[in-house]
Amino acid sequence: MFPMKTFRRFLTHFVEALLLFSLVAIFSAPSASADTIYTYTGNAFDSFPGLAACPPVCKITGSFTLAQPLAPNLSFVTIFPTFFSFTDGLITLTSNNSFPFIFRPLTEFSTDSTGAITTWDIRITAVPLLGFRRLFSANIPGVVVEDGTAVLSFPAHTLALNTDNPGAWSVATTNIPEPSCFLLLLTGLVSITGVKRIRLQTSIRGRNGLPRHIGPG
């Protein structure tokens, strides 16, 4: 049977070694993954051929998320975002309530040499339960430049537009910590707690005159 003093010393060194390993692993771990979020801010609708009005229907705004930023010098490339959300101020269409098959959302984008969006054609159609609502935004000079909202079954009654006045895009990156980093951090915290408890118990035994070990030696 190991003497208690020897066992405590071994346990302390083991926990300290575990803490050192955790710290080294955290700082040498691969960098966290990142999502790129593109946000669109359109201009207020200025044409109301139907019964729509502003407010509550005002303009197209929204965003979409990609696992990687758009590459430079793209020319009308179809993208598949991990998530998107666009609204006209009245209804919000997302990945969860839009029609992904017949009317595929977020069809085409072009970028300049820096990867910034230059031209786009966005058409998002809601599922039937929402009445086939459609939000659209396009900036293809010489072809079509407009933001709009409509109900496909009754376009003449619920239509609002903004033409020849495209909105602006902004881009941001959101870091997502790797799960392994959380595990390593937790291991480090447990190690610190273990070292402190062992040292505290040893100190208390010493102050109270209690034997620090049991057994021979």
N, C-alpha and C. Protein backbone atom coordinates (compact mmCIF):
# COMPACT_ATOMS: atom_id res chain seq x y z
N MET A 1 0.84 -1.20 0.00
CA MET A 1 0.00 0.00 0.00
C MET A 1 0.87 1.24 0.00
N PHE A 2 0.59 2.16 -0.89
CA PHE A 2 1.38 3.37 -0.99
C PHE A 2 1.13 4.25 0.22
N PRO A 3 2.19 4.91 0.78
CA PRO A 3 1.97 5.90 1.84
C PRO A 3 1.10 7.02 1.31
N MET A 4 0.23 7.58 2.17
CA MET A 4 -0.68 8.64 1.74
C MET A 4 0.08 9.86 1.24
N LYS A 5 1.20 10.16 1.89
CA LYS A 5 1.99 11.33 1.47
C LYS A 5 2.50 11.15 0.05
N THR A 6 2.99 9.94 -0.24
CA THR A 6 3.50 9.67 -1.59
C THR A 6 2.36 9.72 -2.61
N PHE A 7 1.20 9.19 -2.22
CA PHE A 7 0.06 9.20 -3.13
C PHE A 7 -0.39 10.63 -3.44
N ARG A 8 -0.45 11.48 -2.39
CA ARG A 8 -0.87 12.86 -2.62
C ARG A 8 0.13 13.60 -3.52
N ARG A 9 1.43 13.33 -3.29
CA ARG A 9 2.44 13.99 -4.13
C ARG A 9 2.29 13.55 -5.58
N PHE A 10 2.06 12.25 -5.77
CA PHE A 10 1.87 11.73 -7.14
C PHE A 10 0.63 12.35 -7.79
N LEU A 11 -0.47 12.42 -7.00
CA LEU A 11 -1.71 12.96 -7.55
C LEU A 11 -1.55 14.43 -7.92
N THR A 12 -0.83 15.17 -7.07
CA THR A 12 -0.60 16.59 -7.37
C THR A 12 0.19 16.77 -8.65
N HIS A 13 1.27 15.99 -8.80
CA HIS A 13 2.08 16.08 -10.03
C HIS A 13 1.28 15.66 -11.26
N PHE A 14 0.43 14.65 -11.08
CA PHE A 14 -0.38 14.19 -12.22
C PHE A 14 -1.35 15.27 -12.67
N VAL A 15 -2.04 15.90 -11.73
CA VAL A 15 -3.01 16.93 -12.07
C VAL A 15 -2.30 18.14 -12.68
N GLU A 16 -1.13 18.50 -12.14
CA GLU A 16 -0.37 19.62 -12.70
C GLU A 16 0.05 19.32 -14.14
N ALA A 17 0.47 18.08 -14.39
CA ALA A 17 0.85 17.69 -15.75
C ALA A 17 -0.35 17.75 -16.69
N LEU A 18 -1.53 17.34 -16.19
CA LEU A 18 -2.75 17.41 -17.00
C LEU A 18 -3.09 18.85 -17.34
N LEU A 19 -2.92 19.74 -16.36
CA LEU A 19 -3.18 21.16 -16.60
C LEU A 19 -2.23 21.71 -17.66
N LEU A 20 -0.94 21.37 -17.55
CA LEU A 20 0.03 21.85 -18.53
C LEU A 20 -0.30 21.33 -19.92
N PHE A 21 -0.69 20.06 -20.02
CA PHE A 21 -1.06 19.50 -21.32
C PHE A 21 -2.26 20.23 -21.90
N SER A 22 -3.25 20.53 -21.06
CA SER A 22 -4.46 21.21 -21.53
C SER A 22 -4.14 22.59 -22.07
N LEU A 23 -3.28 23.33 -21.35
CA LEU A 23 -2.93 24.67 -21.79
C LEU A 23 -2.18 24.64 -23.12
N VAL A 24 -1.23 23.70 -23.24
CA VAL A 24 -0.48 23.58 -24.49
C VAL A 24 -1.41 23.21 -25.63
N ALA A 25 -2.34 22.28 -25.38
CA ALA A 25 -3.26 21.83 -26.43
C ALA A 25 -4.19 22.95 -26.87
N ILE A 26 -4.65 23.78 -25.90
CA ILE A 26 -5.55 24.88 -26.25
C ILE A 26 -4.86 25.88 -27.16
N PHE A 27 -3.62 26.26 -26.80
CA PHE A 27 -2.93 27.27 -27.59
C PHE A 27 -2.43 26.74 -28.93
N SER A 28 -2.29 25.41 -29.06
CA SER A 28 -1.85 24.84 -30.33
C SER A 28 -3.00 24.27 -31.14
N ALA A 29 -4.23 24.39 -30.62
CA ALA A 29 -5.39 23.84 -31.33
C ALA A 29 -5.64 24.63 -32.60
N PRO A 30 -6.25 24.02 -33.62
CA PRO A 30 -6.57 24.74 -34.85
C PRO A 30 -7.52 25.89 -34.58
N SER A 31 -7.42 26.92 -35.39
CA SER A 31 -8.26 28.09 -35.21
C SER A 31 -9.73 27.73 -35.39
N ALA A 32 -10.58 28.51 -34.73
CA ALA A 32 -12.02 28.26 -34.80
C ALA A 32 -12.53 28.49 -36.22
N SER A 33 -13.60 27.77 -36.54
CA SER A 33 -14.22 27.98 -37.84
C SER A 33 -14.98 29.29 -37.81
N ALA A 34 -15.34 29.77 -38.97
CA ALA A 34 -16.01 31.07 -39.05
C ALA A 34 -17.09 31.04 -40.11
N ASP A 35 -18.19 31.70 -39.82
CA ASP A 35 -19.26 31.90 -40.78
C ASP A 35 -19.19 33.32 -41.30
N THR A 36 -19.55 33.50 -42.57
CA THR A 36 -19.58 34.83 -43.17
C THR A 36 -21.03 35.22 -43.40
N ILE A 37 -21.41 36.37 -42.86
CA ILE A 37 -22.80 36.84 -42.94
C ILE A 37 -22.86 38.06 -43.85
N TYR A 38 -23.65 37.96 -44.91
CA TYR A 38 -23.87 39.07 -45.84
C TYR A 38 -25.23 39.69 -45.55
N THR A 39 -25.25 40.98 -45.30
CA THR A 39 -26.47 41.68 -44.93
C THR A 39 -26.84 42.70 -45.99
N TYR A 40 -28.11 42.66 -46.40
CA TYR A 40 -28.60 43.58 -47.44
C TYR A 40 -29.57 44.58 -46.83
N THR A 41 -29.39 45.85 -47.19
CA THR A 41 -30.30 46.91 -46.76
C THR A 41 -30.80 47.64 -48.00
N GLY A 42 -32.06 47.39 -48.34
CA GLY A 42 -32.63 48.02 -49.52
C GLY A 42 -33.17 49.41 -49.21
N ASN A 43 -33.61 50.06 -50.25
CA ASN A 43 -34.23 51.38 -50.11
C ASN A 43 -35.75 51.24 -50.10
N ALA A 44 -36.42 52.22 -49.52
CA ALA A 44 -37.86 52.13 -49.34
C ALA A 44 -38.58 52.02 -50.67
N PHE A 45 -39.64 51.22 -50.69
CA PHE A 45 -40.46 51.10 -51.89
C PHE A 45 -41.04 52.47 -52.25
N ASP A 46 -41.06 52.74 -53.56
CA ASP A 46 -41.59 54.03 -54.02
C ASP A 46 -42.70 53.88 -55.05
N SER A 47 -43.09 52.62 -55.31
CA SER A 47 -44.15 52.37 -56.27
C SER A 47 -45.09 51.30 -55.71
N PHE A 48 -46.41 51.57 -55.75
CA PHE A 48 -47.39 50.66 -55.18
C PHE A 48 -48.52 50.42 -56.19
N PRO A 49 -48.25 49.55 -57.18
CA PRO A 49 -49.27 49.27 -58.20
C PRO A 49 -50.51 48.60 -57.63
N GLY A 50 -50.36 47.92 -56.50
CA GLY A 50 -51.50 47.23 -55.90
C GLY A 50 -51.98 47.95 -54.66
N LEU A 51 -52.40 47.17 -53.66
CA LEU A 51 -52.97 47.73 -52.44
C LEU A 51 -51.95 47.83 -51.31
N ALA A 52 -50.71 47.45 -51.57
CA ALA A 52 -49.68 47.53 -50.54
C ALA A 52 -49.39 48.98 -50.20
N ALA A 53 -48.90 49.20 -49.02
CA ALA A 53 -48.56 50.55 -48.58
C ALA A 53 -47.35 50.48 -47.67
N CYS A 54 -46.70 51.59 -47.48
CA CYS A 54 -45.52 51.65 -46.63
C CYS A 54 -45.72 52.73 -45.57
N PRO A 55 -45.79 52.40 -44.27
CA PRO A 55 -45.78 51.05 -43.71
C PRO A 55 -47.13 50.35 -43.86
N PRO A 56 -47.23 49.04 -43.55
CA PRO A 56 -46.22 48.21 -42.89
C PRO A 56 -45.18 47.61 -43.84
N VAL A 57 -45.45 47.60 -45.14
CA VAL A 57 -44.48 47.06 -46.09
C VAL A 57 -43.59 48.20 -46.55
N CYS A 58 -42.31 48.14 -46.25
CA CYS A 58 -41.45 49.31 -46.49
C CYS A 58 -40.28 49.06 -47.43
N LYS A 59 -39.49 48.03 -47.19
CA LYS A 59 -38.32 47.77 -48.03
C LYS A 59 -37.82 46.37 -47.78
N ILE A 60 -36.92 45.93 -48.65
CA ILE A 60 -36.32 44.61 -48.51
C ILE A 60 -35.03 44.73 -47.69
N THR A 61 -34.97 43.98 -46.62
CA THR A 61 -33.74 43.85 -45.84
C THR A 61 -33.56 42.39 -45.49
N GLY A 62 -32.34 42.01 -45.18
CA GLY A 62 -32.12 40.63 -44.79
C GLY A 62 -30.66 40.24 -44.86
N SER A 63 -30.41 38.95 -44.69
CA SER A 63 -29.04 38.46 -44.68
C SER A 63 -29.01 36.98 -45.02
N PHE A 64 -27.84 36.52 -45.41
CA PHE A 64 -27.62 35.08 -45.60
C PHE A 64 -26.24 34.73 -45.07
N THR A 65 -26.09 33.47 -44.67
CA THR A 65 -24.86 33.01 -44.03
C THR A 65 -24.20 31.93 -44.88
N LEU A 66 -22.88 32.06 -45.05
CA LEU A 66 -22.10 31.08 -45.79
C LEU A 66 -20.98 30.55 -44.90
N ALA A 67 -20.60 29.30 -45.12
CA ALA A 67 -19.49 28.72 -44.36
C ALA A 67 -18.16 29.36 -44.77
N GLN A 68 -18.08 29.84 -46.01
CA GLN A 68 -16.88 30.51 -46.53
C GLN A 68 -17.31 31.78 -47.25
N PRO A 69 -16.47 32.82 -47.24
CA PRO A 69 -16.84 34.04 -47.96
C PRO A 69 -16.89 33.80 -49.46
N LEU A 70 -17.64 34.63 -50.14
CA LEU A 70 -17.71 34.54 -51.60
C LEU A 70 -16.34 34.80 -52.21
N ALA A 71 -16.01 34.03 -53.21
CA ALA A 71 -14.73 34.18 -53.89
C ALA A 71 -14.75 35.42 -54.77
N PRO A 72 -13.59 35.98 -55.08
CA PRO A 72 -13.54 37.13 -55.98
C PRO A 72 -13.86 36.75 -57.42
N ASN A 73 -14.34 37.74 -58.16
CA ASN A 73 -14.56 37.63 -59.61
C ASN A 73 -15.55 36.52 -59.99
N LEU A 74 -16.57 36.35 -59.18
CA LEU A 74 -17.64 35.43 -59.55
C LEU A 74 -18.54 36.09 -60.58
N SER A 75 -19.16 35.28 -61.41
CA SER A 75 -20.07 35.80 -62.42
C SER A 75 -21.36 34.98 -62.40
N PHE A 76 -22.38 35.52 -61.77
CA PHE A 76 -23.70 34.91 -61.66
C PHE A 76 -23.61 33.45 -61.23
N VAL A 77 -23.06 33.26 -60.05
CA VAL A 77 -22.89 31.93 -59.48
C VAL A 77 -24.01 31.66 -58.48
N THR A 78 -24.60 30.48 -58.57
CA THR A 78 -25.63 30.08 -57.62
C THR A 78 -24.99 29.72 -56.29
N ILE A 79 -25.55 30.23 -55.19
CA ILE A 79 -25.01 29.91 -53.87
C ILE A 79 -26.07 29.15 -53.07
N PHE A 80 -25.59 28.46 -52.04
CA PHE A 80 -26.47 27.67 -51.18
C PHE A 80 -26.13 28.02 -49.73
N PRO A 81 -26.77 29.03 -49.18
CA PRO A 81 -26.44 29.47 -47.82
C PRO A 81 -26.84 28.46 -46.77
N THR A 82 -26.14 28.49 -45.65
CA THR A 82 -26.51 27.65 -44.52
C THR A 82 -27.78 28.19 -43.85
N PHE A 83 -28.01 29.48 -43.98
CA PHE A 83 -29.23 30.08 -43.44
C PHE A 83 -29.45 31.43 -44.10
N PHE A 84 -30.72 31.83 -44.24
CA PHE A 84 -31.02 33.17 -44.73
C PHE A 84 -32.32 33.67 -44.10
N SER A 85 -32.48 34.97 -44.08
CA SER A 85 -33.69 35.59 -43.56
C SER A 85 -33.86 36.94 -44.24
N PHE A 86 -34.99 37.11 -44.94
CA PHE A 86 -35.28 38.37 -45.62
C PHE A 86 -36.71 38.81 -45.28
N THR A 87 -36.91 40.11 -45.22
CA THR A 87 -38.23 40.64 -44.89
C THR A 87 -38.53 41.88 -45.72
N ASP A 88 -39.84 42.15 -45.89
CA ASP A 88 -40.27 43.39 -46.54
C ASP A 88 -40.83 44.37 -45.51
N GLY A 89 -40.71 44.02 -44.23
CA GLY A 89 -41.27 44.83 -43.17
C GLY A 89 -42.57 44.28 -42.65
N LEU A 90 -43.15 43.33 -43.38
CA LEU A 90 -44.41 42.73 -42.98
C LEU A 90 -44.28 41.23 -42.79
N ILE A 91 -43.65 40.56 -43.74
CA ILE A 91 -43.45 39.12 -43.68
C ILE A 91 -41.96 38.82 -43.76
N THR A 92 -41.53 37.79 -43.04
CA THR A 92 -40.13 37.38 -43.04
C THR A 92 -40.04 35.96 -43.59
N LEU A 93 -39.21 35.79 -44.60
CA LEU A 93 -38.99 34.47 -45.21
C LEU A 93 -37.59 33.99 -44.85
N THR A 94 -37.52 32.73 -44.41
CA THR A 94 -36.26 32.14 -44.00
C THR A 94 -36.08 30.79 -44.68
N SER A 95 -35.01 30.12 -44.31
CA SER A 95 -34.77 28.78 -44.83
C SER A 95 -35.87 27.81 -44.42
N ASN A 96 -36.59 28.13 -43.36
CA ASN A 96 -37.58 27.21 -42.81
C ASN A 96 -38.98 27.37 -43.38
N ASN A 97 -39.29 28.51 -44.00
CA ASN A 97 -40.66 28.70 -44.50
C ASN A 97 -40.71 29.12 -45.96
N SER A 98 -39.63 28.88 -46.71
CA SER A 98 -39.61 29.22 -48.13
C SER A 98 -39.67 27.96 -48.97
N PHE A 99 -39.93 28.16 -50.25
CA PHE A 99 -40.09 27.06 -51.19
C PHE A 99 -38.73 26.74 -51.82
N PRO A 100 -38.09 25.63 -51.45
CA PRO A 100 -36.72 25.39 -51.91
C PRO A 100 -36.60 24.69 -53.25
N PHE A 101 -37.70 24.24 -53.84
CA PHE A 101 -37.58 23.40 -55.02
C PHE A 101 -37.90 24.13 -56.32
N ILE A 102 -39.15 24.52 -56.50
CA ILE A 102 -39.54 25.15 -57.76
C ILE A 102 -38.92 26.53 -57.89
N PHE A 103 -39.01 27.31 -56.81
CA PHE A 103 -38.45 28.65 -56.82
C PHE A 103 -37.25 28.66 -55.88
N ARG A 104 -36.11 28.24 -56.37
CA ARG A 104 -34.92 28.15 -55.52
C ARG A 104 -34.49 29.55 -55.09
N PRO A 105 -34.28 29.75 -53.77
CA PRO A 105 -33.92 31.09 -53.28
C PRO A 105 -32.46 31.44 -53.54
N LEU A 106 -32.19 32.74 -53.57
CA LEU A 106 -30.83 33.24 -53.66
C LEU A 106 -30.09 32.62 -54.83
N THR A 107 -30.55 32.92 -56.02
CA THR A 107 -30.06 32.18 -57.19
C THR A 107 -28.66 32.57 -57.64
N GLU A 108 -28.42 33.85 -57.91
CA GLU A 108 -27.16 34.20 -58.58
C GLU A 108 -26.52 35.44 -57.97
N PHE A 109 -25.18 35.36 -57.87
CA PHE A 109 -24.40 36.48 -57.36
C PHE A 109 -23.13 36.64 -58.19
N SER A 110 -22.69 37.88 -58.31
CA SER A 110 -21.39 38.19 -58.92
C SER A 110 -20.59 39.03 -57.92
N THR A 111 -19.28 38.92 -58.00
CA THR A 111 -18.41 39.67 -57.09
C THR A 111 -17.30 40.36 -57.87
N ASP A 112 -16.68 41.36 -57.22
CA ASP A 112 -15.54 42.03 -57.83
C ASP A 112 -14.25 41.35 -57.39
N SER A 113 -13.12 42.00 -57.64
CA SER A 113 -11.82 41.40 -57.34
C SER A 113 -11.56 41.25 -55.85
N THR A 114 -12.34 41.93 -55.01
CA THR A 114 -12.17 41.81 -53.56
C THR A 114 -13.17 40.84 -52.95
N GLY A 115 -14.09 40.29 -53.74
CA GLY A 115 -15.10 39.39 -53.22
C GLY A 115 -16.39 40.10 -52.81
N ALA A 116 -16.45 41.41 -53.01
CA ALA A 116 -17.67 42.16 -52.67
C ALA A 116 -18.75 41.91 -53.72
N ILE A 117 -20.00 41.86 -53.28
CA ILE A 117 -21.12 41.60 -54.18
C ILE A 117 -21.35 42.80 -55.08
N THR A 118 -21.46 42.53 -56.38
CA THR A 118 -21.70 43.61 -57.34
C THR A 118 -23.08 43.48 -58.01
N THR A 119 -23.41 42.30 -58.44
CA THR A 119 -24.73 42.07 -59.04
C THR A 119 -25.37 40.86 -58.37
N TRP A 120 -26.69 40.86 -58.34
CA TRP A 120 -27.38 39.76 -57.69
C TRP A 120 -28.79 39.61 -58.24
N ASP A 121 -29.36 38.44 -58.00
CA ASP A 121 -30.75 38.16 -58.36
C ASP A 121 -31.32 37.24 -57.29
N ILE A 122 -32.08 37.81 -56.37
CA ILE A 122 -32.64 37.08 -55.24
C ILE A 122 -34.15 36.97 -55.41
N ARG A 123 -34.66 35.77 -55.35
CA ARG A 123 -36.11 35.56 -55.44
C ARG A 123 -36.48 34.46 -54.45
N ILE A 124 -37.19 34.84 -53.40
CA ILE A 124 -37.55 33.91 -52.33
C ILE A 124 -39.07 33.81 -52.28
N THR A 125 -39.58 32.59 -52.39
CA THR A 125 -41.02 32.36 -52.40
C THR A 125 -41.43 31.56 -51.17
N ALA A 126 -42.47 32.01 -50.49
CA ALA A 126 -42.93 31.34 -49.28
C ALA A 126 -43.67 30.05 -49.61
N VAL A 127 -43.78 29.19 -48.65
CA VAL A 127 -44.54 27.95 -48.80
C VAL A 127 -46.02 28.30 -48.99
N PRO A 128 -46.81 27.36 -49.52
CA PRO A 128 -48.22 27.65 -49.80
C PRO A 128 -49.01 28.15 -48.58
N LEU A 129 -48.68 27.67 -47.39
CA LEU A 129 -49.42 28.09 -46.20
C LEU A 129 -49.32 29.59 -45.96
N LEU A 130 -48.28 30.22 -46.52
CA LEU A 130 -48.13 31.66 -46.39
C LEU A 130 -48.64 32.40 -47.62
N GLY A 131 -49.31 31.69 -48.51
CA GLY A 131 -49.93 32.35 -49.65
C GLY A 131 -49.02 32.63 -50.81
N PHE A 132 -47.91 31.87 -50.96
CA PHE A 132 -46.98 32.09 -52.06
C PHE A 132 -46.48 33.53 -52.11
N ARG A 133 -46.19 34.08 -50.96
CA ARG A 133 -45.58 35.40 -50.92
C ARG A 133 -44.19 35.33 -51.53
N ARG A 134 -43.81 36.39 -52.24
CA ARG A 134 -42.46 36.42 -52.83
C ARG A 134 -41.78 37.74 -52.48
N LEU A 135 -40.53 37.62 -52.09
CA LEU A 135 -39.64 38.76 -51.91
C LEU A 135 -38.55 38.65 -52.97
N PHE A 136 -38.22 39.78 -53.59
CA PHE A 136 -37.19 39.71 -54.62
C PHE A 136 -36.34 40.98 -54.62
N SER A 137 -35.11 40.80 -55.03
CA SER A 137 -34.17 41.92 -55.16
C SER A 137 -33.20 41.57 -56.27
N ALA A 138 -33.05 42.46 -57.22
CA ALA A 138 -32.16 42.21 -58.35
C ALA A 138 -31.40 43.48 -58.70
N ASN A 139 -30.15 43.31 -58.99
CA ASN A 139 -29.33 44.43 -59.49
C ASN A 139 -28.50 43.92 -60.65
N ILE A 140 -29.11 43.93 -61.81
CA ILE A 140 -28.44 43.52 -63.05
C ILE A 140 -28.57 44.69 -64.02
N PRO A 141 -27.63 45.63 -63.98
CA PRO A 141 -27.75 46.83 -64.82
C PRO A 141 -27.98 46.48 -66.28
N GLY A 142 -28.91 47.20 -66.90
CA GLY A 142 -29.26 46.96 -68.28
C GLY A 142 -30.32 45.89 -68.46
N VAL A 143 -30.63 45.15 -67.38
CA VAL A 143 -31.64 44.11 -67.45
C VAL A 143 -32.77 44.42 -66.46
N VAL A 144 -32.47 44.40 -65.18
CA VAL A 144 -33.47 44.71 -64.16
C VAL A 144 -32.75 45.18 -62.89
N VAL A 145 -33.25 46.25 -62.31
CA VAL A 145 -32.77 46.76 -61.03
C VAL A 145 -34.00 47.09 -60.21
N GLU A 146 -34.34 46.21 -59.25
CA GLU A 146 -35.55 46.45 -58.47
C GLU A 146 -35.57 45.61 -57.21
N ASP A 147 -36.23 46.13 -56.19
CA ASP A 147 -36.62 45.37 -55.01
C ASP A 147 -38.15 45.32 -55.01
N GLY A 148 -38.70 44.21 -54.52
CA GLY A 148 -40.15 44.15 -54.52
C GLY A 148 -40.70 43.06 -53.63
N THR A 149 -42.00 43.14 -53.40
CA THR A 149 -42.73 42.14 -52.66
C THR A 149 -44.07 41.93 -53.34
N ALA A 150 -44.55 40.69 -53.36
CA ALA A 150 -45.81 40.39 -54.05
C ALA A 150 -46.39 39.11 -53.52
N VAL A 151 -47.69 38.94 -53.74
CA VAL A 151 -48.36 37.66 -53.54
C VAL A 151 -48.62 37.11 -54.93
N LEU A 152 -48.04 35.96 -55.25
CA LEU A 152 -48.07 35.46 -56.63
C LEU A 152 -49.48 35.19 -57.13
N SER A 153 -50.38 34.81 -56.24
CA SER A 153 -51.73 34.49 -56.71
C SER A 153 -52.55 35.74 -57.00
N PHE A 154 -52.18 36.86 -56.36
CA PHE A 154 -52.90 38.12 -56.60
C PHE A 154 -51.91 39.27 -56.71
N PRO A 155 -51.05 39.25 -57.73
CA PRO A 155 -49.99 40.26 -57.80
C PRO A 155 -50.50 41.68 -57.95
N ALA A 156 -51.64 41.86 -58.58
CA ALA A 156 -52.13 43.22 -58.80
C ALA A 156 -52.62 43.87 -57.51
N HIS A 157 -52.92 43.07 -56.50
CA HIS A 157 -53.48 43.60 -55.27
C HIS A 157 -52.46 43.81 -54.16
N THR A 158 -51.33 43.09 -54.21
CA THR A 158 -50.33 43.22 -53.15
C THR A 158 -48.95 43.30 -53.77
N LEU A 159 -48.64 44.42 -54.33
CA LEU A 159 -47.36 44.59 -54.99
C LEU A 159 -46.76 45.93 -54.59
N ALA A 160 -45.48 45.90 -54.22
CA ALA A 160 -44.74 47.12 -53.90
C ALA A 160 -43.35 47.00 -54.51
N LEU A 161 -42.85 48.10 -55.05
CA LEU A 161 -41.59 48.07 -55.78
C LEU A 161 -40.70 49.25 -55.44
N ASN A 162 -39.42 49.02 -55.68
CA ASN A 162 -38.44 50.11 -55.75
C ASN A 162 -37.58 49.81 -56.95
N THR A 163 -37.52 50.71 -57.92
CA THR A 163 -36.78 50.44 -59.15
C THR A 163 -35.64 51.42 -59.33
N ASP A 164 -34.59 50.91 -59.98
CA ASP A 164 -33.41 51.71 -60.33
C ASP A 164 -32.76 52.38 -59.12
N ASN A 165 -32.84 51.74 -57.96
CA ASN A 165 -32.23 52.29 -56.76
C ASN A 165 -31.81 51.13 -55.84
N PRO A 166 -30.78 50.38 -56.24
CA PRO A 166 -30.40 49.19 -55.48
C PRO A 166 -29.89 49.53 -54.09
N GLY A 167 -30.06 48.60 -53.17
CA GLY A 167 -29.56 48.77 -51.82
C GLY A 167 -28.08 48.44 -51.71
N ALA A 168 -27.61 48.27 -50.47
CA ALA A 168 -26.18 48.05 -50.23
C ALA A 168 -25.97 46.78 -49.41
N TRP A 169 -24.81 46.16 -49.61
CA TRP A 169 -24.42 44.97 -48.90
C TRP A 169 -23.31 45.26 -47.91
N SER A 170 -23.35 44.60 -46.77
CA SER A 170 -22.25 44.62 -45.82
C SER A 170 -21.92 43.18 -45.47
N VAL A 171 -20.72 42.96 -44.96
CA VAL A 171 -20.27 41.60 -44.67
C VAL A 171 -19.60 41.58 -43.31
N ALA A 172 -19.82 40.50 -42.57
CA ALA A 172 -19.21 40.32 -41.26
C ALA A 172 -18.86 38.86 -41.08
N THR A 173 -17.85 38.60 -40.25
CA THR A 173 -17.41 37.23 -39.97
C THR A 173 -17.66 36.92 -38.51
N THR A 174 -18.27 35.77 -38.25
CA THR A 174 -18.57 35.34 -36.89
C THR A 174 -17.78 34.08 -36.59
N ASN A 175 -16.92 34.14 -35.58
CA ASN A 175 -16.12 32.98 -35.20
C ASN A 175 -16.95 31.99 -34.40
N ILE A 176 -16.73 30.70 -34.67
CA ILE A 176 -17.42 29.63 -33.96
C ILE A 176 -16.35 28.75 -33.31
N PRO A 177 -16.20 28.78 -31.97
CA PRO A 177 -15.17 27.96 -31.31
C PRO A 177 -15.35 26.48 -31.61
N GLU A 178 -14.21 25.80 -31.78
CA GLU A 178 -14.27 24.37 -32.01
C GLU A 178 -14.72 23.65 -30.72
N PRO A 179 -15.55 22.60 -30.82
CA PRO A 179 -15.96 21.87 -29.61
C PRO A 179 -14.78 21.35 -28.80
N SER A 180 -13.68 20.96 -29.49
CA SER A 180 -12.53 20.44 -28.77
C SER A 180 -11.92 21.47 -27.84
N CYS A 181 -12.02 22.75 -28.21
CA CYS A 181 -11.47 23.80 -27.36
C CYS A 181 -12.25 23.88 -26.04
N PHE A 182 -13.57 23.71 -26.12
CA PHE A 182 -14.37 23.72 -24.90
C PHE A 182 -13.96 22.56 -23.99
N LEU A 183 -13.73 21.37 -24.59
CA LEU A 183 -13.35 20.21 -23.80
C LEU A 183 -12.00 20.42 -23.14
N LEU A 184 -11.05 20.97 -23.88
CA LEU A 184 -9.73 21.23 -23.31
C LEU A 184 -9.80 22.26 -22.20
N LEU A 185 -10.61 23.30 -22.40
CA LEU A 185 -10.76 24.33 -21.38
C LEU A 185 -11.36 23.74 -20.11
N LEU A 186 -12.37 22.87 -20.26
CA LEU A 186 -12.98 22.23 -19.11
C LEU A 186 -11.97 21.36 -18.38
N THR A 187 -11.14 20.63 -19.13
CA THR A 187 -10.11 19.81 -18.51
C THR A 187 -9.15 20.65 -17.70
N GLY A 188 -8.77 21.82 -18.26
CA GLY A 188 -7.87 22.72 -17.55
C GLY A 188 -8.48 23.23 -16.26
N LEU A 189 -9.75 23.60 -16.30
CA LEU A 189 -10.42 24.11 -15.10
C LEU A 189 -10.51 23.03 -14.02
N VAL A 190 -10.83 21.80 -14.43
CA VAL A 190 -10.88 20.69 -13.48
C VAL A 190 -9.51 20.46 -12.87
N SER A 191 -8.47 20.57 -13.67
CA SER A 191 -7.12 20.35 -13.18
C SER A 191 -6.75 21.40 -12.13
N ILE A 192 -7.07 22.67 -12.42
CA ILE A 192 -6.78 23.74 -11.47
C ILE A 192 -7.50 23.49 -10.15
N THR A 193 -8.78 23.12 -10.24
CA THR A 193 -9.56 22.85 -9.03
C THR A 193 -8.97 21.69 -8.24
N GLY A 194 -8.52 20.66 -8.94
CA GLY A 194 -7.95 19.50 -8.26
C GLY A 194 -6.68 19.85 -7.52
N VAL A 195 -5.79 20.61 -8.16
CA VAL A 195 -4.54 21.02 -7.51
C VAL A 195 -4.82 21.84 -6.26
N LYS A 196 -5.76 22.79 -6.37
CA LYS A 196 -6.07 23.64 -5.22
C LYS A 196 -6.65 22.83 -4.06
N ARG A 197 -7.53 21.86 -4.36
CA ARG A 197 -8.14 21.06 -3.30
C ARG A 197 -7.10 20.21 -2.59
N ILE A 198 -6.21 19.62 -3.36
CA ILE A 198 -5.17 18.78 -2.75
C ILE A 198 -4.28 19.60 -1.84
N ARG A 199 -3.85 20.77 -2.32
CA ARG A 199 -2.98 21.62 -1.52
C ARG A 199 -3.71 22.16 -0.30
N LEU A 200 -5.00 22.49 -0.44
CA LEU A 200 -5.77 23.01 0.68
C LEU A 200 -5.93 21.95 1.76
N GLN A 201 -6.25 20.72 1.37
CA GLN A 201 -6.41 19.65 2.36
C GLN A 201 -5.09 19.36 3.08
N THR A 202 -3.99 19.39 2.35
CA THR A 202 -2.69 19.16 2.95
C THR A 202 -2.36 20.26 3.94
N SER A 203 -2.67 21.52 3.58
CA SER A 203 -2.40 22.65 4.45
C SER A 203 -3.22 22.58 5.72
N ILE A 204 -4.50 22.20 5.60
CA ILE A 204 -5.38 22.11 6.77
C ILE A 204 -4.89 21.03 7.72
N ARG A 205 -4.50 19.91 7.19
CA ARG A 205 -3.98 18.83 8.03
C ARG A 205 -2.74 19.29 8.78
N GLY A 206 -1.90 20.05 8.10
CA GLY A 206 -0.67 20.52 8.74
C GLY A 206 -0.96 21.50 9.86
N ARG A 207 -1.91 22.43 9.65
CA ARG A 207 -2.22 23.44 10.67
C ARG A 207 -2.90 22.81 11.88
N ASN A 208 -3.69 21.75 11.68
CA ASN A 208 -4.41 21.12 12.77
C ASN A 208 -3.59 20.05 13.49
N GLY A 209 -2.37 19.89 13.07
CA GLY A 209 -1.52 18.90 13.72
C GLY A 209 -1.86 17.48 13.37
N LEU A 210 -2.64 17.29 12.32
CA LEU A 210 -3.01 15.95 11.90
C LEU A 210 -1.88 15.33 11.09
N PRO A 211 -1.77 14.04 11.11
CA PRO A 211 -0.71 13.40 10.31
C PRO A 211 -0.96 13.62 8.83
N ARG A 212 0.08 13.92 8.11
CA ARG A 212 -0.05 14.19 6.70
C ARG A 212 -0.05 12.88 5.89
N HIS A 213 0.31 11.79 6.51
CA HIS A 213 0.28 10.52 5.77
C HIS A 213 -0.02 9.39 6.73
N ILE A 214 -0.43 8.30 6.19
CA ILE A 214 -0.75 7.12 6.97
C ILE A 214 0.11 5.96 6.49
N GLY A 215 0.63 5.23 7.40
CA GLY A 215 1.44 4.06 6.99
C GLY A 215 2.89 4.29 7.31
N PRO A 216 3.71 3.37 7.05
CA PRO A 216 5.15 3.49 7.34
C PRO A 216 5.80 4.52 6.47
N GLY A 217 6.85 5.11 6.98
CA GLY A 217 7.62 6.10 6.23
C GLY A 217 7.02 7.45 6.39
